[in-house]
């Protein structure tokens, strides 16, 4: 099971001065290519003992202060980040032979930002955030649906659903961002931005 990549190359002179601008370029390419959910990313965390775990979430915003996603603070990733506030993000854009890997420290976003985003979510997703004790065992699917139904009765479409206190956003402040372009014969282009003070160093890595 092997694919021979034949994509055009990537070289340092082509890159933007900072990784956020370069990410914006590649994200636009991924979106225009027809990829489903180009904002889907694999978030990897580790607990206090260094045991890793990964899952797919959706990127909800980004700017020069970092990359933001939202989740239940009591979930497994929330527990990991409370003990070890660092994460790696992977955008696996395989159909266009590209990946972006972002590493850095993680902080919670301001509560006002969480509330503003929560209010923009569909009503059903708002109820789902309350109904699911994310990562905790649940007796059955029926129990989960019962919780949801109770919340739907309590908060009909006409009622504003409050943002749960146990739910919110995390921001990953990039310290290292790698742009991976698949090439022939597994001689892939790997260009990585590494933070140095207020600026960035760009290195080419062997594939």
N, C-alpha and C. Protein backbone atom coordinates (compact mmCIF):
# COMPACT_ATOMS: atom_id res chain seq x y z
N UNK A 1 0.86 -1.19 0.00
CA UNK A 1 0.00 0.00 0.00
C UNK A 1 0.89 1.23 0.00
N UNK A 2 1.18 1.71 -1.20
CA UNK A 2 2.17 2.78 -1.32
C UNK A 2 1.78 3.68 -2.48
N UNK A 3 1.92 4.96 -2.29
CA UNK A 3 1.62 5.92 -3.34
C UNK A 3 2.87 6.71 -3.69
N UNK A 4 3.11 6.91 -4.96
CA UNK A 4 4.26 7.70 -5.40
C UNK A 4 3.81 9.15 -5.56
N UNK A 5 4.31 10.04 -4.68
CA UNK A 5 3.93 11.45 -4.75
C UNK A 5 4.67 12.13 -5.90
N UNK A 6 3.94 12.97 -6.64
CA UNK A 6 4.54 13.69 -7.75
C UNK A 6 4.23 15.19 -7.67
N UNK A 7 3.99 15.68 -6.47
CA UNK A 7 3.63 17.08 -6.28
C UNK A 7 4.83 17.99 -6.54
N UNK A 8 4.52 19.25 -6.85
CA UNK A 8 5.58 20.24 -7.01
C UNK A 8 6.30 20.43 -5.68
N UNK A 9 7.53 20.89 -5.74
CA UNK A 9 8.35 21.01 -4.55
C UNK A 9 8.05 22.24 -3.72
N UNK A 10 8.76 22.33 -2.61
CA UNK A 10 8.63 23.45 -1.68
C UNK A 10 10.04 23.86 -1.27
N UNK A 11 10.34 25.16 -1.41
CA UNK A 11 11.68 25.63 -1.06
C UNK A 11 11.56 26.90 -0.21
N UNK A 12 12.63 27.19 0.52
CA UNK A 12 12.62 28.28 1.49
C UNK A 12 12.23 29.62 0.88
N UNK A 13 12.75 30.01 -0.30
CA UNK A 13 12.38 31.32 -0.84
C UNK A 13 10.88 31.50 -1.09
N UNK A 14 10.14 30.38 -1.21
CA UNK A 14 8.71 30.45 -1.46
C UNK A 14 7.90 30.70 -0.19
N UNK A 15 8.51 30.49 0.95
CA UNK A 15 7.77 30.54 2.20
C UNK A 15 7.49 31.97 2.66
N UNK A 16 6.38 32.12 3.39
CA UNK A 16 6.05 33.39 4.03
C UNK A 16 7.02 33.63 5.18
N UNK A 17 7.17 34.89 5.63
CA UNK A 17 8.11 35.18 6.73
C UNK A 17 7.74 34.50 8.04
N UNK A 18 6.44 34.26 8.27
CA UNK A 18 6.04 33.62 9.52
C UNK A 18 5.13 32.44 9.22
N UNK A 19 5.09 31.46 10.10
CA UNK A 19 4.32 30.24 9.82
C UNK A 19 2.82 30.46 9.76
N UNK A 20 2.31 31.49 10.45
CA UNK A 20 0.87 31.74 10.41
C UNK A 20 0.43 32.17 9.01
N UNK A 21 1.24 33.00 8.37
CA UNK A 21 0.92 33.41 7.01
C UNK A 21 1.06 32.23 6.05
N UNK A 22 2.08 31.42 6.25
CA UNK A 22 2.25 30.24 5.39
C UNK A 22 1.10 29.26 5.59
N UNK A 23 0.66 29.10 6.84
CA UNK A 23 -0.48 28.22 7.11
C UNK A 23 -1.73 28.73 6.40
N UNK A 24 -1.94 30.04 6.42
CA UNK A 24 -3.11 30.62 5.75
C UNK A 24 -3.09 30.28 4.26
N UNK A 25 -1.92 30.33 3.64
CA UNK A 25 -1.81 29.99 2.22
C UNK A 25 -2.19 28.53 1.98
N UNK A 26 -1.61 27.64 2.78
CA UNK A 26 -1.87 26.22 2.58
C UNK A 26 -3.30 25.85 2.98
N UNK A 27 -3.83 26.51 4.00
CA UNK A 27 -5.21 26.22 4.40
C UNK A 27 -6.16 26.61 3.26
N UNK A 28 -5.91 27.74 2.63
CA UNK A 28 -6.73 28.16 1.50
C UNK A 28 -6.64 27.15 0.36
N UNK A 29 -5.43 26.63 0.11
CA UNK A 29 -5.27 25.60 -0.92
C UNK A 29 -6.06 24.35 -0.57
N UNK A 30 -5.99 23.93 0.69
CA UNK A 30 -6.71 22.72 1.13
C UNK A 30 -8.21 22.90 0.98
N UNK A 31 -8.70 24.08 1.37
CA UNK A 31 -10.14 24.35 1.28
C UNK A 31 -10.60 24.37 -0.17
N UNK A 32 -9.82 25.01 -1.06
CA UNK A 32 -10.23 25.12 -2.46
C UNK A 32 -10.08 23.82 -3.22
N UNK A 33 -9.31 22.86 -2.66
CA UNK A 33 -9.11 21.58 -3.33
C UNK A 33 -10.31 20.65 -3.20
N UNK A 34 -11.26 21.01 -2.34
CA UNK A 34 -12.43 20.16 -2.12
C UNK A 34 -12.26 19.14 -1.01
N UNK A 35 -11.17 19.23 -0.26
CA UNK A 35 -10.98 18.33 0.87
C UNK A 35 -12.14 18.45 1.86
N UNK A 36 -12.69 17.35 2.36
CA UNK A 36 -13.72 17.44 3.39
C UNK A 36 -13.10 17.89 4.71
N UNK A 37 -13.70 18.87 5.33
CA UNK A 37 -13.24 19.38 6.63
C UNK A 37 -11.73 19.61 6.66
N UNK A 38 -11.21 20.54 5.89
CA UNK A 38 -9.78 20.82 5.93
C UNK A 38 -9.31 21.33 7.29
N UNK A 39 -10.26 21.77 8.14
CA UNK A 39 -9.90 22.23 9.48
C UNK A 39 -9.84 21.09 10.49
N UNK A 40 -10.04 19.85 10.05
CA UNK A 40 -9.89 18.70 10.95
C UNK A 40 -8.41 18.48 11.24
N UNK A 41 -8.08 18.30 12.49
CA UNK A 41 -6.68 18.12 12.89
C UNK A 41 -6.59 17.09 14.00
N UNK A 42 -5.48 16.38 14.02
CA UNK A 42 -5.22 15.41 15.09
C UNK A 42 -4.49 16.14 16.21
N UNK A 43 -5.09 16.14 17.40
CA UNK A 43 -4.49 16.78 18.56
C UNK A 43 -3.87 15.69 19.43
N UNK A 44 -2.57 15.79 19.66
CA UNK A 44 -1.87 14.83 20.52
C UNK A 44 -1.43 15.52 21.80
N UNK A 45 -1.71 14.85 22.92
CA UNK A 45 -1.33 15.34 24.24
C UNK A 45 -0.65 14.21 25.00
N UNK A 46 -0.10 14.52 26.15
CA UNK A 46 0.50 13.50 27.00
C UNK A 46 0.19 13.83 28.45
N UNK A 47 0.01 12.80 29.26
CA UNK A 47 -0.27 13.04 30.68
C UNK A 47 1.02 13.32 31.44
N UNK A 48 0.92 13.42 32.75
CA UNK A 48 2.09 13.76 33.56
C UNK A 48 3.18 12.70 33.48
N UNK A 49 2.80 11.47 33.13
CA UNK A 49 3.78 10.38 33.01
C UNK A 49 4.35 10.26 31.61
N UNK A 50 3.89 11.11 30.71
CA UNK A 50 4.38 11.08 29.34
C UNK A 50 3.64 10.13 28.42
N UNK A 51 2.52 9.54 28.90
CA UNK A 51 1.75 8.63 28.05
C UNK A 51 0.92 9.45 27.07
N UNK A 52 1.11 9.24 25.77
CA UNK A 52 0.43 10.08 24.78
C UNK A 52 -0.98 9.59 24.45
N UNK A 53 -1.78 10.48 23.92
CA UNK A 53 -3.08 10.13 23.36
C UNK A 53 -3.40 11.11 22.25
N UNK A 54 -4.18 10.67 21.27
CA UNK A 54 -4.52 11.50 20.11
C UNK A 54 -5.99 11.37 19.79
N UNK A 55 -6.53 12.42 19.15
CA UNK A 55 -7.90 12.41 18.70
C UNK A 55 -8.06 13.51 17.65
N UNK A 56 -9.12 13.44 16.87
CA UNK A 56 -9.37 14.44 15.84
C UNK A 56 -10.37 15.47 16.34
N UNK A 57 -10.04 16.74 16.21
CA UNK A 57 -10.95 17.83 16.55
C UNK A 57 -10.92 18.83 15.39
N UNK A 58 -11.74 19.87 15.49
CA UNK A 58 -11.80 20.88 14.44
C UNK A 58 -11.15 22.17 14.89
N UNK A 59 -10.26 22.70 14.06
CA UNK A 59 -9.70 24.03 14.28
C UNK A 59 -10.82 25.04 14.10
N UNK A 60 -10.98 25.96 15.06
CA UNK A 60 -12.05 26.93 14.98
C UNK A 60 -11.57 28.34 14.66
N UNK A 61 -10.34 28.65 14.96
CA UNK A 61 -9.78 29.95 14.59
C UNK A 61 -8.27 29.89 14.75
N UNK A 62 -7.59 30.85 14.12
CA UNK A 62 -6.15 30.98 14.31
C UNK A 62 -5.75 32.40 13.94
N UNK A 63 -4.71 32.87 14.59
CA UNK A 63 -4.07 34.14 14.27
C UNK A 63 -2.66 34.06 14.82
N UNK A 64 -1.96 35.16 14.89
CA UNK A 64 -0.57 35.11 15.33
C UNK A 64 -0.40 34.78 16.81
N UNK A 65 -1.51 34.67 17.54
CA UNK A 65 -1.41 34.25 18.95
C UNK A 65 -1.60 32.75 19.11
N UNK A 66 -2.01 32.05 18.04
CA UNK A 66 -2.12 30.61 18.15
C UNK A 66 -3.31 30.02 17.42
N UNK A 67 -3.48 28.70 17.61
CA UNK A 67 -4.51 27.90 16.96
C UNK A 67 -5.51 27.44 18.02
N UNK A 68 -6.80 27.65 17.77
CA UNK A 68 -7.82 27.47 18.81
C UNK A 68 -8.77 26.32 18.47
N UNK A 69 -9.03 25.48 19.49
CA UNK A 69 -10.08 24.47 19.40
C UNK A 69 -10.84 24.46 20.72
N UNK A 70 -12.04 23.86 20.70
CA UNK A 70 -12.90 23.84 21.88
C UNK A 70 -13.23 22.40 22.27
N UNK A 71 -13.40 22.19 23.58
CA UNK A 71 -13.67 20.84 24.08
C UNK A 71 -14.15 20.90 25.52
N UNK A 72 -14.45 19.73 26.05
CA UNK A 72 -14.80 19.59 27.46
C UNK A 72 -13.50 19.58 28.28
N UNK A 73 -13.40 20.45 29.27
CA UNK A 73 -12.18 20.51 30.08
C UNK A 73 -11.95 19.22 30.87
N UNK A 74 -13.03 18.44 31.09
CA UNK A 74 -12.90 17.19 31.86
C UNK A 74 -12.59 15.99 30.98
N UNK A 75 -12.45 16.19 29.69
CA UNK A 75 -12.14 15.09 28.77
C UNK A 75 -10.71 14.61 29.00
N UNK A 76 -10.36 13.53 28.32
CA UNK A 76 -9.00 13.02 28.48
C UNK A 76 -7.96 14.06 28.05
N UNK A 77 -8.21 14.74 26.93
CA UNK A 77 -7.24 15.76 26.50
C UNK A 77 -7.21 16.92 27.47
N UNK A 78 -8.37 17.26 28.06
CA UNK A 78 -8.40 18.31 29.07
C UNK A 78 -7.59 17.94 30.29
N UNK A 79 -7.71 16.67 30.71
CA UNK A 79 -6.91 16.20 31.84
C UNK A 79 -5.43 16.21 31.54
N UNK A 80 -5.08 15.76 30.32
CA UNK A 80 -3.66 15.79 29.92
C UNK A 80 -3.12 17.22 29.95
N UNK A 81 -3.89 18.15 29.40
CA UNK A 81 -3.40 19.53 29.29
C UNK A 81 -3.31 20.21 30.65
N UNK A 82 -4.12 19.77 31.61
CA UNK A 82 -4.01 20.31 32.96
C UNK A 82 -2.70 19.88 33.61
N UNK A 83 -2.23 18.67 33.26
CA UNK A 83 -1.00 18.14 33.84
C UNK A 83 0.24 18.52 33.03
N UNK A 84 0.05 18.62 31.74
CA UNK A 84 1.18 18.81 30.83
C UNK A 84 0.71 19.71 29.69
N UNK A 85 0.78 21.03 29.85
CA UNK A 85 0.13 21.96 28.91
C UNK A 85 0.90 22.20 27.61
N UNK A 86 1.13 21.11 26.90
CA UNK A 86 1.75 21.18 25.57
C UNK A 86 0.98 20.25 24.65
N UNK A 87 0.96 20.58 23.36
CA UNK A 87 0.23 19.75 22.40
C UNK A 87 0.90 19.80 21.04
N UNK A 88 0.58 18.79 20.23
CA UNK A 88 0.98 18.76 18.83
C UNK A 88 -0.30 18.67 18.00
N UNK A 89 -0.35 19.47 16.93
CA UNK A 89 -1.48 19.46 16.01
C UNK A 89 -0.99 18.95 14.65
N UNK A 90 -1.75 18.06 14.05
CA UNK A 90 -1.39 17.52 12.73
C UNK A 90 -2.57 17.69 11.78
N UNK A 91 -2.34 18.40 10.68
CA UNK A 91 -3.33 18.51 9.61
C UNK A 91 -2.95 17.52 8.52
N UNK A 92 -3.68 16.41 8.37
CA UNK A 92 -3.29 15.36 7.42
C UNK A 92 -3.99 15.53 6.07
N UNK A 93 -3.49 16.44 5.26
CA UNK A 93 -4.11 16.73 3.97
C UNK A 93 -3.57 15.78 2.90
N UNK A 94 -3.83 14.49 3.08
CA UNK A 94 -3.24 13.46 2.22
C UNK A 94 -3.60 13.60 0.73
N UNK A 95 -4.85 13.94 0.37
CA UNK A 95 -5.17 14.01 -1.07
C UNK A 95 -4.34 15.04 -1.84
N UNK A 96 -3.81 16.04 -1.15
CA UNK A 96 -2.95 17.02 -1.84
C UNK A 96 -1.49 16.85 -1.41
N UNK A 97 -1.19 15.71 -0.81
CA UNK A 97 0.19 15.35 -0.44
C UNK A 97 0.85 16.39 0.45
N UNK A 98 0.09 16.88 1.42
CA UNK A 98 0.63 17.87 2.34
C UNK A 98 0.24 17.52 3.78
N UNK A 99 1.11 17.93 4.69
CA UNK A 99 0.82 17.88 6.12
C UNK A 99 1.37 19.16 6.76
N UNK A 100 0.72 19.58 7.85
CA UNK A 100 1.27 20.64 8.69
C UNK A 100 1.28 20.11 10.12
N UNK A 101 2.40 20.28 10.79
CA UNK A 101 2.55 19.81 12.18
C UNK A 101 2.95 21.00 13.04
N UNK A 102 2.17 21.26 14.07
CA UNK A 102 2.36 22.43 14.94
C UNK A 102 2.57 21.95 16.36
N UNK A 103 3.59 22.45 17.03
CA UNK A 103 3.86 22.09 18.42
C UNK A 103 4.03 23.35 19.26
N UNK A 104 3.54 23.29 20.50
CA UNK A 104 3.73 24.43 21.38
C UNK A 104 2.93 24.34 22.66
N UNK A 105 3.12 25.30 23.54
CA UNK A 105 2.38 25.33 24.82
C UNK A 105 0.92 25.69 24.59
N UNK A 106 0.10 25.27 25.54
CA UNK A 106 -1.35 25.44 25.43
C UNK A 106 -1.89 26.21 26.63
N UNK A 107 -2.79 27.15 26.36
CA UNK A 107 -3.49 27.88 27.42
C UNK A 107 -4.98 27.90 27.08
N UNK A 108 -5.80 28.09 28.11
CA UNK A 108 -7.23 28.25 27.87
C UNK A 108 -7.50 29.63 27.30
N UNK A 109 -8.48 29.73 26.42
CA UNK A 109 -8.87 31.03 25.89
C UNK A 109 -9.70 31.75 26.95
N UNK A 110 -9.86 33.06 26.78
CA UNK A 110 -10.67 33.85 27.72
C UNK A 110 -12.11 33.35 27.71
N UNK A 111 -12.76 33.44 28.87
CA UNK A 111 -14.14 32.96 28.98
C UNK A 111 -15.05 33.67 27.99
N UNK A 112 -14.81 34.95 27.75
CA UNK A 112 -15.65 35.70 26.82
C UNK A 112 -15.55 35.10 25.41
N UNK A 113 -14.37 34.65 25.03
CA UNK A 113 -14.20 34.05 23.72
C UNK A 113 -14.94 32.72 23.63
N UNK A 114 -14.87 31.94 24.72
CA UNK A 114 -15.61 30.67 24.76
C UNK A 114 -17.11 30.91 24.62
N UNK A 115 -17.64 31.85 25.39
CA UNK A 115 -19.09 32.11 25.35
C UNK A 115 -19.51 32.58 23.97
N UNK A 116 -18.73 33.45 23.36
CA UNK A 116 -19.06 33.96 22.03
C UNK A 116 -19.10 32.82 21.01
N UNK A 117 -18.11 31.93 21.07
CA UNK A 117 -18.11 30.80 20.13
C UNK A 117 -19.27 29.85 20.43
N UNK A 118 -19.52 29.56 21.71
CA UNK A 118 -20.58 28.63 22.07
C UNK A 118 -21.92 29.11 21.51
N UNK A 119 -22.17 30.40 21.57
CA UNK A 119 -23.44 30.95 21.08
C UNK A 119 -23.56 30.84 19.57
N UNK A 120 -22.43 30.69 18.87
CA UNK A 120 -22.48 30.56 17.42
C UNK A 120 -22.73 29.12 16.98
N UNK A 121 -22.67 28.17 17.90
CA UNK A 121 -22.86 26.76 17.55
C UNK A 121 -24.33 26.45 17.29
N UNK A 122 -24.62 25.43 16.49
CA UNK A 122 -26.01 25.00 16.32
C UNK A 122 -26.62 24.60 17.67
N UNK A 123 -27.92 24.77 17.80
CA UNK A 123 -28.62 24.48 19.06
C UNK A 123 -28.34 23.05 19.53
N UNK A 124 -28.38 22.10 18.60
CA UNK A 124 -28.14 20.71 18.98
C UNK A 124 -26.74 20.48 19.52
N UNK A 125 -25.76 21.15 18.95
CA UNK A 125 -24.39 21.02 19.44
C UNK A 125 -24.23 21.63 20.82
N UNK A 126 -24.95 22.70 21.08
CA UNK A 126 -24.94 23.31 22.41
C UNK A 126 -25.48 22.32 23.45
N UNK A 127 -26.59 21.67 23.12
CA UNK A 127 -27.17 20.69 24.04
C UNK A 127 -26.22 19.50 24.21
N UNK A 128 -25.58 19.09 23.12
CA UNK A 128 -24.66 17.96 23.19
C UNK A 128 -23.49 18.21 24.13
N UNK A 129 -23.02 19.46 24.19
CA UNK A 129 -21.92 19.79 25.10
C UNK A 129 -22.32 19.56 26.54
N UNK A 130 -23.57 19.86 26.87
CA UNK A 130 -24.07 19.63 28.23
C UNK A 130 -24.34 18.15 28.48
N UNK A 131 -24.86 17.45 27.47
CA UNK A 131 -25.29 16.06 27.67
C UNK A 131 -24.12 15.09 27.84
N UNK A 132 -22.99 15.40 27.20
CA UNK A 132 -21.88 14.45 27.19
C UNK A 132 -20.82 14.79 28.24
N UNK A 133 -20.60 13.86 29.14
CA UNK A 133 -19.49 13.94 30.09
C UNK A 133 -18.28 13.33 29.39
N UNK A 134 -17.71 14.09 28.49
CA UNK A 134 -16.76 13.56 27.51
C UNK A 134 -15.64 12.74 28.13
N UNK A 135 -15.39 11.58 27.54
CA UNK A 135 -14.35 10.61 27.93
C UNK A 135 -14.72 9.77 29.13
N UNK A 136 -15.83 10.07 29.82
CA UNK A 136 -16.27 9.27 30.96
C UNK A 136 -17.12 8.10 30.48
N UNK A 137 -17.08 6.96 31.17
CA UNK A 137 -17.93 5.83 30.78
C UNK A 137 -19.41 6.19 30.86
N UNK A 138 -20.22 5.62 29.97
CA UNK A 138 -21.66 5.80 30.00
C UNK A 138 -22.30 4.42 29.82
N UNK A 139 -23.39 4.18 30.55
CA UNK A 139 -23.99 2.85 30.57
C UNK A 139 -24.51 2.37 29.23
N UNK A 140 -25.08 3.29 28.45
CA UNK A 140 -25.67 2.88 27.18
C UNK A 140 -25.91 4.12 26.31
N UNK A 141 -26.16 3.86 25.04
CA UNK A 141 -26.54 4.94 24.14
C UNK A 141 -27.85 5.57 24.59
N UNK A 142 -28.75 4.72 25.10
CA UNK A 142 -30.06 5.21 25.55
C UNK A 142 -29.91 6.23 26.67
N UNK A 143 -28.96 5.99 27.56
CA UNK A 143 -28.74 6.93 28.67
C UNK A 143 -28.27 8.28 28.14
N UNK A 144 -27.37 8.26 27.16
CA UNK A 144 -26.88 9.49 26.57
C UNK A 144 -28.02 10.25 25.89
N UNK A 145 -28.86 9.53 25.16
CA UNK A 145 -29.97 10.16 24.46
C UNK A 145 -31.02 10.69 25.43
N UNK A 146 -31.16 10.00 26.59
CA UNK A 146 -32.09 10.49 27.61
C UNK A 146 -31.62 11.83 28.16
N UNK A 147 -30.33 11.95 28.44
CA UNK A 147 -29.79 13.22 28.92
C UNK A 147 -30.06 14.33 27.90
N UNK A 148 -29.83 14.00 26.63
CA UNK A 148 -30.04 15.01 25.59
C UNK A 148 -31.51 15.43 25.53
N UNK A 149 -32.41 14.45 25.60
CA UNK A 149 -33.84 14.75 25.53
C UNK A 149 -34.28 15.64 26.69
N UNK A 150 -33.75 15.38 27.88
CA UNK A 150 -34.08 16.21 29.04
C UNK A 150 -33.62 17.65 28.83
N UNK A 151 -32.44 17.80 28.26
CA UNK A 151 -31.92 19.14 27.99
C UNK A 151 -32.74 19.84 26.90
N UNK A 152 -33.15 19.07 25.89
CA UNK A 152 -33.96 19.65 24.82
C UNK A 152 -35.30 20.16 25.35
N UNK A 153 -35.86 19.45 26.36
CA UNK A 153 -37.10 19.91 26.99
C UNK A 153 -36.84 21.18 27.81
N UNK A 154 -35.69 21.22 28.46
CA UNK A 154 -35.36 22.35 29.32
C UNK A 154 -35.00 23.59 28.51
N UNK A 155 -34.31 23.36 27.39
CA UNK A 155 -33.88 24.47 26.55
C UNK A 155 -34.40 24.29 25.13
N UNK A 156 -35.64 24.63 24.86
CA UNK A 156 -36.14 24.56 23.47
C UNK A 156 -35.41 25.56 22.59
N UNK A 157 -35.66 25.48 21.30
CA UNK A 157 -34.96 26.33 20.33
C UNK A 157 -35.05 27.81 20.67
N UNK A 158 -36.14 28.21 21.31
CA UNK A 158 -36.36 29.62 21.64
C UNK A 158 -35.56 30.09 22.85
N UNK A 159 -34.97 29.14 23.60
CA UNK A 159 -34.23 29.47 24.83
C UNK A 159 -32.74 29.50 24.56
N UNK A 160 -32.05 30.48 25.16
CA UNK A 160 -30.59 30.53 25.04
C UNK A 160 -29.96 29.48 25.96
N UNK A 161 -29.08 28.69 25.42
CA UNK A 161 -28.38 27.66 26.21
C UNK A 161 -27.11 28.28 26.77
N UNK A 162 -26.92 28.27 28.09
CA UNK A 162 -25.69 28.84 28.65
C UNK A 162 -24.47 27.99 28.31
N UNK A 163 -23.34 28.62 28.18
CA UNK A 163 -22.11 27.86 27.94
C UNK A 163 -21.74 27.09 29.20
N UNK A 164 -21.48 25.79 29.10
CA UNK A 164 -21.13 25.01 30.29
C UNK A 164 -19.85 25.51 30.94
N UNK A 165 -19.78 25.54 32.26
CA UNK A 165 -18.55 25.98 32.92
C UNK A 165 -17.39 25.02 32.72
N UNK A 166 -17.70 23.76 32.35
CA UNK A 166 -16.67 22.74 32.17
C UNK A 166 -16.24 22.61 30.71
N UNK A 167 -16.61 23.56 29.91
CA UNK A 167 -16.36 23.48 28.46
C UNK A 167 -15.76 24.79 27.97
N UNK A 168 -14.79 24.70 27.05
CA UNK A 168 -14.19 25.94 26.56
C UNK A 168 -13.08 25.71 25.57
N UNK A 169 -12.35 26.78 25.28
CA UNK A 169 -11.34 26.73 24.24
C UNK A 169 -9.92 26.64 24.76
N UNK A 170 -9.06 26.07 23.92
CA UNK A 170 -7.63 26.03 24.15
C UNK A 170 -6.92 26.68 22.97
N UNK A 171 -5.85 27.37 23.28
CA UNK A 171 -5.03 28.00 22.23
C UNK A 171 -3.62 27.40 22.26
N UNK A 172 -3.19 26.89 21.13
CA UNK A 172 -1.83 26.35 20.99
C UNK A 172 -0.94 27.45 20.39
N UNK A 173 0.02 27.90 21.17
CA UNK A 173 0.95 28.95 20.74
C UNK A 173 2.13 28.27 20.06
N UNK A 174 2.22 28.40 18.75
CA UNK A 174 3.22 27.64 17.99
C UNK A 174 4.64 28.03 18.36
N UNK A 175 5.44 27.03 18.68
CA UNK A 175 6.89 27.19 18.85
C UNK A 175 7.64 26.59 17.66
N UNK A 176 6.95 25.65 17.00
CA UNK A 176 7.57 24.91 15.89
C UNK A 176 6.44 24.52 14.92
N UNK A 177 6.62 24.84 13.65
CA UNK A 177 5.60 24.52 12.64
C UNK A 177 6.30 23.92 11.43
N UNK A 178 5.94 22.69 11.10
CA UNK A 178 6.54 22.00 9.95
C UNK A 178 5.55 21.92 8.81
N UNK A 179 6.02 22.27 7.61
CA UNK A 179 5.24 22.13 6.38
C UNK A 179 5.87 21.00 5.57
N UNK A 180 5.06 19.98 5.34
CA UNK A 180 5.52 18.74 4.69
C UNK A 180 4.87 18.62 3.34
N UNK A 181 5.67 18.52 2.30
CA UNK A 181 5.17 18.35 0.93
C UNK A 181 5.67 17.03 0.38
N UNK A 182 4.76 16.14 0.02
CA UNK A 182 5.16 14.85 -0.53
C UNK A 182 5.86 15.00 -1.87
N UNK A 183 6.94 14.22 -2.06
CA UNK A 183 7.71 14.25 -3.32
C UNK A 183 8.02 12.83 -3.77
N UNK A 184 8.53 12.71 -4.99
CA UNK A 184 8.88 11.41 -5.55
C UNK A 184 9.96 10.71 -4.74
N UNK A 185 9.91 9.38 -4.76
CA UNK A 185 10.94 8.52 -4.16
C UNK A 185 11.13 8.77 -2.67
N UNK A 186 10.08 9.25 -2.03
CA UNK A 186 10.08 9.52 -0.59
C UNK A 186 11.08 10.61 -0.20
N UNK A 187 11.52 11.41 -1.17
CA UNK A 187 12.40 12.53 -0.86
C UNK A 187 11.53 13.77 -0.63
N UNK A 188 10.71 13.69 0.40
CA UNK A 188 9.74 14.74 0.68
C UNK A 188 10.43 16.04 1.11
N UNK A 189 9.76 17.15 0.85
CA UNK A 189 10.22 18.44 1.35
C UNK A 189 9.64 18.66 2.74
N UNK A 190 10.52 18.92 3.71
CA UNK A 190 10.11 19.21 5.09
C UNK A 190 10.80 20.51 5.51
N UNK A 191 10.01 21.57 5.60
CA UNK A 191 10.54 22.87 6.01
C UNK A 191 9.87 23.25 7.32
N UNK A 192 10.68 23.57 8.31
CA UNK A 192 10.16 23.81 9.65
C UNK A 192 10.56 25.19 10.15
N UNK A 193 9.56 25.91 10.68
CA UNK A 193 9.79 27.19 11.36
C UNK A 193 10.04 26.89 12.84
N UNK A 194 11.09 27.45 13.39
CA UNK A 194 11.40 27.30 14.82
C UNK A 194 11.48 28.70 15.41
N UNK A 195 10.72 28.93 16.48
CA UNK A 195 10.70 30.26 17.08
C UNK A 195 12.06 30.59 17.70
N UNK A 196 12.53 31.79 17.41
CA UNK A 196 13.77 32.31 18.01
C UNK A 196 13.50 33.74 18.45
N UNK A 197 13.28 33.94 19.75
CA UNK A 197 12.94 35.25 20.27
C UNK A 197 11.64 35.73 19.68
N UNK A 198 11.66 36.89 19.01
CA UNK A 198 10.46 37.42 18.38
C UNK A 198 10.33 37.01 16.92
N UNK A 199 11.30 36.24 16.43
CA UNK A 199 11.29 35.85 15.03
C UNK A 199 11.28 34.35 14.84
N UNK A 200 11.59 33.93 13.58
CA UNK A 200 11.53 32.52 13.22
C UNK A 200 12.77 32.14 12.41
N UNK A 201 13.29 30.96 12.71
CA UNK A 201 14.33 30.35 11.89
C UNK A 201 13.67 29.26 11.04
N UNK A 202 14.10 29.11 9.80
CA UNK A 202 13.55 28.07 8.94
C UNK A 202 14.64 27.07 8.62
N UNK A 203 14.37 25.81 8.91
CA UNK A 203 15.30 24.72 8.63
C UNK A 203 14.67 23.76 7.63
N UNK A 204 15.50 23.17 6.80
CA UNK A 204 15.07 22.06 5.95
C UNK A 204 15.48 20.76 6.64
N UNK A 205 14.55 19.82 6.75
CA UNK A 205 14.83 18.56 7.40
C UNK A 205 14.91 17.43 6.37
N UNK A 206 15.76 16.46 6.66
CA UNK A 206 15.77 15.27 5.82
C UNK A 206 14.43 14.54 5.94
N UNK A 207 13.96 13.94 4.86
CA UNK A 207 12.69 13.24 4.94
C UNK A 207 12.78 11.90 5.64
